[in-house]
Amino acid sequence: MSGSTPSERRLRAQIAANSRWAKEPDRSAATAPARAGLDARFAREVDPDGVLAPDELAKRVDAARRAYFQRLALASAKARRRKRGDAD
């Protein structure tokens, strides 16, 4: 696939992803390990010593998760703006 253009590689990746999800009876169960791993990462970040109460830890993990995805959204918006040639 070294001769593929970026758009062809993207299309191949989309085909693979759609083929995989077409065969998956329970998407939520299939992605549960990834979500649990990400939550564990956030838990380590917000409570490295493991001293928070479970309810407080859950609140902080939720806030850390939201901040993480907001940072991704901001970076994506900036990249799209740069690609269009707009100023930041």
N, C-alpha and C. Protein backbone atom coordinates (compact mmCIF):
# COMPACT_ATOMS: atom_id res chain seq x y z
N MET A 1 0.81 -1.20 0.00
CA MET A 1 0.00 0.00 0.00
C MET A 1 0.85 1.26 0.00
N SER A 2 2.15 1.11 -0.24
CA SER A 2 3.02 2.27 -0.23
C SER A 2 2.68 3.25 -1.35
N GLY A 3 2.04 2.79 -2.40
CA GLY A 3 1.68 3.66 -3.52
C GLY A 3 0.33 4.32 -3.35
N SER A 4 -0.31 4.12 -2.22
CA SER A 4 -1.63 4.69 -1.99
C SER A 4 -1.55 6.18 -1.71
N THR A 5 -2.56 6.88 -2.16
CA THR A 5 -2.67 8.29 -1.83
C THR A 5 -3.30 8.40 -0.44
N PRO A 6 -3.18 9.55 0.20
CA PRO A 6 -3.83 9.72 1.50
C PRO A 6 -5.34 9.45 1.46
N SER A 7 -6.00 9.88 0.39
CA SER A 7 -7.44 9.66 0.31
C SER A 7 -7.78 8.17 0.15
N GLU A 8 -6.93 7.42 -0.56
CA GLU A 8 -7.16 5.98 -0.69
C GLU A 8 -6.94 5.27 0.64
N ARG A 9 -5.90 5.68 1.38
CA ARG A 9 -5.66 5.08 2.70
C ARG A 9 -6.82 5.37 3.65
N ARG A 10 -7.33 6.58 3.57
CA ARG A 10 -8.47 6.96 4.41
C ARG A 10 -9.69 6.11 4.07
N LEU A 11 -9.93 5.95 2.79
CA LEU A 11 -11.07 5.16 2.34
C LEU A 11 -10.92 3.70 2.78
N ARG A 12 -9.70 3.14 2.68
CA ARG A 12 -9.47 1.77 3.13
C ARG A 12 -9.74 1.64 4.63
N ALA A 13 -9.30 2.62 5.39
CA ALA A 13 -9.52 2.60 6.84
C ALA A 13 -11.01 2.68 7.17
N GLN A 14 -11.73 3.52 6.44
CA GLN A 14 -13.17 3.63 6.65
C GLN A 14 -13.88 2.31 6.32
N ILE A 15 -13.46 1.68 5.24
CA ILE A 15 -14.05 0.38 4.86
C ILE A 15 -13.80 -0.65 5.96
N ALA A 16 -12.58 -0.69 6.46
CA ALA A 16 -12.24 -1.64 7.52
C ALA A 16 -13.06 -1.38 8.78
N ALA A 17 -13.18 -0.12 9.17
CA ALA A 17 -13.95 0.21 10.37
C ALA A 17 -15.42 -0.15 10.19
N ASN A 18 -15.99 0.20 9.04
CA ASN A 18 -17.40 -0.11 8.82
C ASN A 18 -17.64 -1.62 8.74
N SER A 19 -16.70 -2.35 8.16
CA SER A 19 -16.83 -3.81 8.10
C SER A 19 -16.79 -4.41 9.49
N ARG A 20 -15.90 -3.90 10.32
CA ARG A 20 -15.78 -4.40 11.70
C ARG A 20 -17.07 -4.13 12.48
N TRP A 21 -17.57 -2.90 12.42
CA TRP A 21 -18.76 -2.56 13.20
C TRP A 21 -20.03 -3.22 12.64
N ALA A 22 -20.03 -3.56 11.37
CA ALA A 22 -21.20 -4.25 10.79
C ALA A 22 -21.35 -5.64 11.39
N LYS A 23 -20.26 -6.23 11.88
CA LYS A 23 -20.29 -7.57 12.44
C LYS A 23 -20.42 -7.58 13.97
N GLU A 24 -20.43 -6.42 14.60
CA GLU A 24 -20.43 -6.33 16.06
C GLU A 24 -21.85 -6.22 16.60
N PRO A 25 -22.30 -7.22 17.38
CA PRO A 25 -23.65 -7.16 17.91
C PRO A 25 -23.81 -6.15 19.05
N ASP A 26 -22.75 -5.86 19.79
CA ASP A 26 -22.84 -4.96 20.94
C ASP A 26 -21.64 -4.02 20.95
N ARG A 27 -21.81 -2.86 20.36
CA ARG A 27 -20.70 -1.89 20.26
C ARG A 27 -20.23 -1.44 21.64
N SER A 28 -21.16 -1.25 22.53
CA SER A 28 -20.80 -0.79 23.86
C SER A 28 -19.89 -1.80 24.58
N ALA A 29 -20.23 -3.07 24.48
CA ALA A 29 -19.40 -4.10 25.11
C ALA A 29 -18.04 -4.19 24.42
N ALA A 30 -18.01 -3.98 23.13
CA ALA A 30 -16.75 -4.07 22.38
C ALA A 30 -15.78 -2.96 22.76
N THR A 31 -16.32 -1.79 23.13
CA THR A 31 -15.45 -0.67 23.46
C THR A 31 -15.29 -0.47 24.96
N ALA A 32 -15.93 -1.31 25.78
CA ALA A 32 -15.85 -1.17 27.24
C ALA A 32 -14.41 -1.22 27.76
N PRO A 33 -13.56 -2.14 27.30
CA PRO A 33 -12.19 -2.16 27.82
C PRO A 33 -11.43 -0.85 27.55
N ALA A 34 -11.65 -0.25 26.41
CA ALA A 34 -10.97 1.01 26.10
C ALA A 34 -11.47 2.12 27.01
N ARG A 35 -12.78 2.17 27.23
CA ARG A 35 -13.33 3.20 28.13
C ARG A 35 -12.82 3.00 29.55
N ALA A 36 -12.76 1.75 30.00
CA ALA A 36 -12.27 1.48 31.35
C ALA A 36 -10.80 1.88 31.48
N GLY A 37 -10.02 1.62 30.47
CA GLY A 37 -8.61 2.00 30.49
C GLY A 37 -8.42 3.50 30.55
N LEU A 38 -9.22 4.22 29.77
CA LEU A 38 -9.13 5.68 29.78
C LEU A 38 -9.56 6.23 31.14
N ASP A 39 -10.63 5.67 31.70
CA ASP A 39 -11.07 6.10 33.04
C ASP A 39 -10.00 5.81 34.09
N ALA A 40 -9.31 4.69 33.96
CA ALA A 40 -8.24 4.36 34.91
C ALA A 40 -7.11 5.39 34.78
N ARG A 41 -6.81 5.79 33.57
CA ARG A 41 -5.78 6.82 33.35
C ARG A 41 -6.19 8.12 34.03
N PHE A 42 -7.45 8.53 33.83
CA PHE A 42 -7.91 9.77 34.45
C PHE A 42 -7.90 9.65 35.97
N ALA A 43 -8.27 8.48 36.48
CA ALA A 43 -8.25 8.27 37.94
C ALA A 43 -6.84 8.42 38.49
N ARG A 44 -5.86 7.88 37.79
CA ARG A 44 -4.46 8.02 38.23
C ARG A 44 -4.02 9.48 38.20
N GLU A 45 -4.51 10.21 37.21
CA GLU A 45 -4.13 11.62 37.09
C GLU A 45 -4.73 12.47 38.21
N VAL A 46 -6.01 12.24 38.51
CA VAL A 46 -6.68 13.10 39.49
C VAL A 46 -6.48 12.63 40.92
N ASP A 47 -6.11 11.37 41.12
CA ASP A 47 -5.91 10.83 42.47
C ASP A 47 -4.74 9.86 42.47
N PRO A 48 -3.53 10.38 42.28
CA PRO A 48 -2.37 9.48 42.17
C PRO A 48 -2.10 8.68 43.45
N ASP A 49 -2.53 9.20 44.60
CA ASP A 49 -2.29 8.49 45.87
C ASP A 49 -3.44 7.59 46.27
N GLY A 50 -4.54 7.62 45.53
CA GLY A 50 -5.69 6.77 45.81
C GLY A 50 -6.39 7.08 47.12
N VAL A 51 -6.51 8.36 47.45
CA VAL A 51 -7.09 8.74 48.74
C VAL A 51 -8.51 9.29 48.64
N LEU A 52 -8.98 9.57 47.44
CA LEU A 52 -10.32 10.16 47.30
C LEU A 52 -11.41 9.13 47.52
N ALA A 53 -12.53 9.61 48.05
CA ALA A 53 -13.72 8.77 48.20
C ALA A 53 -14.24 8.43 46.80
N PRO A 54 -14.86 7.27 46.63
CA PRO A 54 -15.33 6.85 45.30
C PRO A 54 -16.22 7.87 44.60
N ASP A 55 -17.13 8.50 45.34
CA ASP A 55 -18.02 9.47 44.69
C ASP A 55 -17.26 10.71 44.22
N GLU A 56 -16.30 11.17 45.02
CA GLU A 56 -15.48 12.32 44.62
C GLU A 56 -14.57 11.95 43.46
N LEU A 57 -14.01 10.76 43.51
CA LEU A 57 -13.16 10.29 42.41
C LEU A 57 -13.96 10.24 41.11
N ALA A 58 -15.18 9.73 41.17
CA ALA A 58 -16.03 9.64 39.97
C ALA A 58 -16.29 11.02 39.38
N LYS A 59 -16.56 12.01 40.24
CA LYS A 59 -16.80 13.38 39.77
C LYS A 59 -15.56 13.93 39.07
N ARG A 60 -14.41 13.70 39.68
CA ARG A 60 -13.17 14.24 39.12
C ARG A 60 -12.77 13.53 37.83
N VAL A 61 -13.00 12.23 37.78
CA VAL A 61 -12.72 11.48 36.55
C VAL A 61 -13.61 11.99 35.43
N ASP A 62 -14.87 12.25 35.74
CA ASP A 62 -15.79 12.77 34.74
C ASP A 62 -15.32 14.13 34.23
N ALA A 63 -14.89 14.99 35.14
CA ALA A 63 -14.39 16.32 34.73
C ALA A 63 -13.12 16.18 33.89
N ALA A 64 -12.23 15.28 34.29
CA ALA A 64 -10.99 15.07 33.53
C ALA A 64 -11.30 14.54 32.14
N ARG A 65 -12.28 13.63 32.04
CA ARG A 65 -12.67 13.08 30.74
C ARG A 65 -13.22 14.19 29.84
N ARG A 66 -14.11 15.03 30.40
CA ARG A 66 -14.68 16.12 29.60
C ARG A 66 -13.60 17.08 29.14
N ALA A 67 -12.66 17.42 30.03
CA ALA A 67 -11.57 18.33 29.66
C ALA A 67 -10.71 17.72 28.55
N TYR A 68 -10.44 16.43 28.64
CA TYR A 68 -9.64 15.74 27.63
C TYR A 68 -10.28 15.85 26.25
N PHE A 69 -11.58 15.56 26.18
CA PHE A 69 -12.26 15.60 24.89
C PHE A 69 -12.45 17.03 24.40
N GLN A 70 -12.58 17.99 25.33
CA GLN A 70 -12.65 19.39 24.91
C GLN A 70 -11.31 19.84 24.32
N ARG A 71 -10.20 19.39 24.91
CA ARG A 71 -8.89 19.72 24.35
C ARG A 71 -8.75 19.14 22.95
N LEU A 72 -9.22 17.89 22.76
CA LEU A 72 -9.18 17.29 21.42
C LEU A 72 -10.02 18.10 20.43
N ALA A 73 -11.20 18.53 20.85
CA ALA A 73 -12.08 19.31 19.98
C ALA A 73 -11.43 20.64 19.61
N LEU A 74 -10.78 21.27 20.57
CA LEU A 74 -10.10 22.54 20.30
C LEU A 74 -8.96 22.34 19.30
N ALA A 75 -8.16 21.32 19.51
CA ALA A 75 -7.06 21.04 18.60
C ALA A 75 -7.59 20.73 17.19
N SER A 76 -8.69 20.01 17.11
CA SER A 76 -9.29 19.69 15.82
C SER A 76 -9.78 20.95 15.12
N ALA A 77 -10.43 21.83 15.87
CA ALA A 77 -10.93 23.08 15.28
C ALA A 77 -9.77 23.93 14.77
N LYS A 78 -8.69 23.99 15.55
CA LYS A 78 -7.52 24.76 15.12
C LYS A 78 -6.91 24.16 13.85
N ALA A 79 -6.83 22.85 13.79
CA ALA A 79 -6.26 22.18 12.60
C ALA A 79 -7.12 22.45 11.38
N ARG A 80 -8.44 22.37 11.54
CA ARG A 80 -9.33 22.65 10.41
C ARG A 80 -9.18 24.10 9.94
N ARG A 81 -9.05 25.00 10.90
CA ARG A 81 -8.88 26.42 10.57
C ARG A 81 -7.57 26.63 9.80
N ARG A 82 -6.49 25.99 10.29
CA ARG A 82 -5.20 26.12 9.59
C ARG A 82 -5.29 25.53 8.18
N LYS A 83 -5.98 24.41 8.05
CA LYS A 83 -6.11 23.76 6.74
C LYS A 83 -6.85 24.67 5.75
N ARG A 84 -7.84 25.41 6.26
CA ARG A 84 -8.58 26.34 5.40
C ARG A 84 -7.78 27.59 5.10
N GLY A 85 -6.74 27.84 5.91
CA GLY A 85 -5.94 29.04 5.71
C GLY A 85 -6.41 30.22 6.53
N ASP A 86 -7.34 29.99 7.45
CA ASP A 86 -7.82 31.06 8.33
C ASP A 86 -6.78 31.35 9.40
N ALA A 87 -6.82 32.55 9.93
CA ALA A 87 -5.90 32.90 11.03
C ALA A 87 -6.50 32.43 12.34
N ASP A 88 -5.62 32.13 13.31
CA ASP A 88 -6.07 31.72 14.66
C ASP A 88 -6.56 32.89 15.46
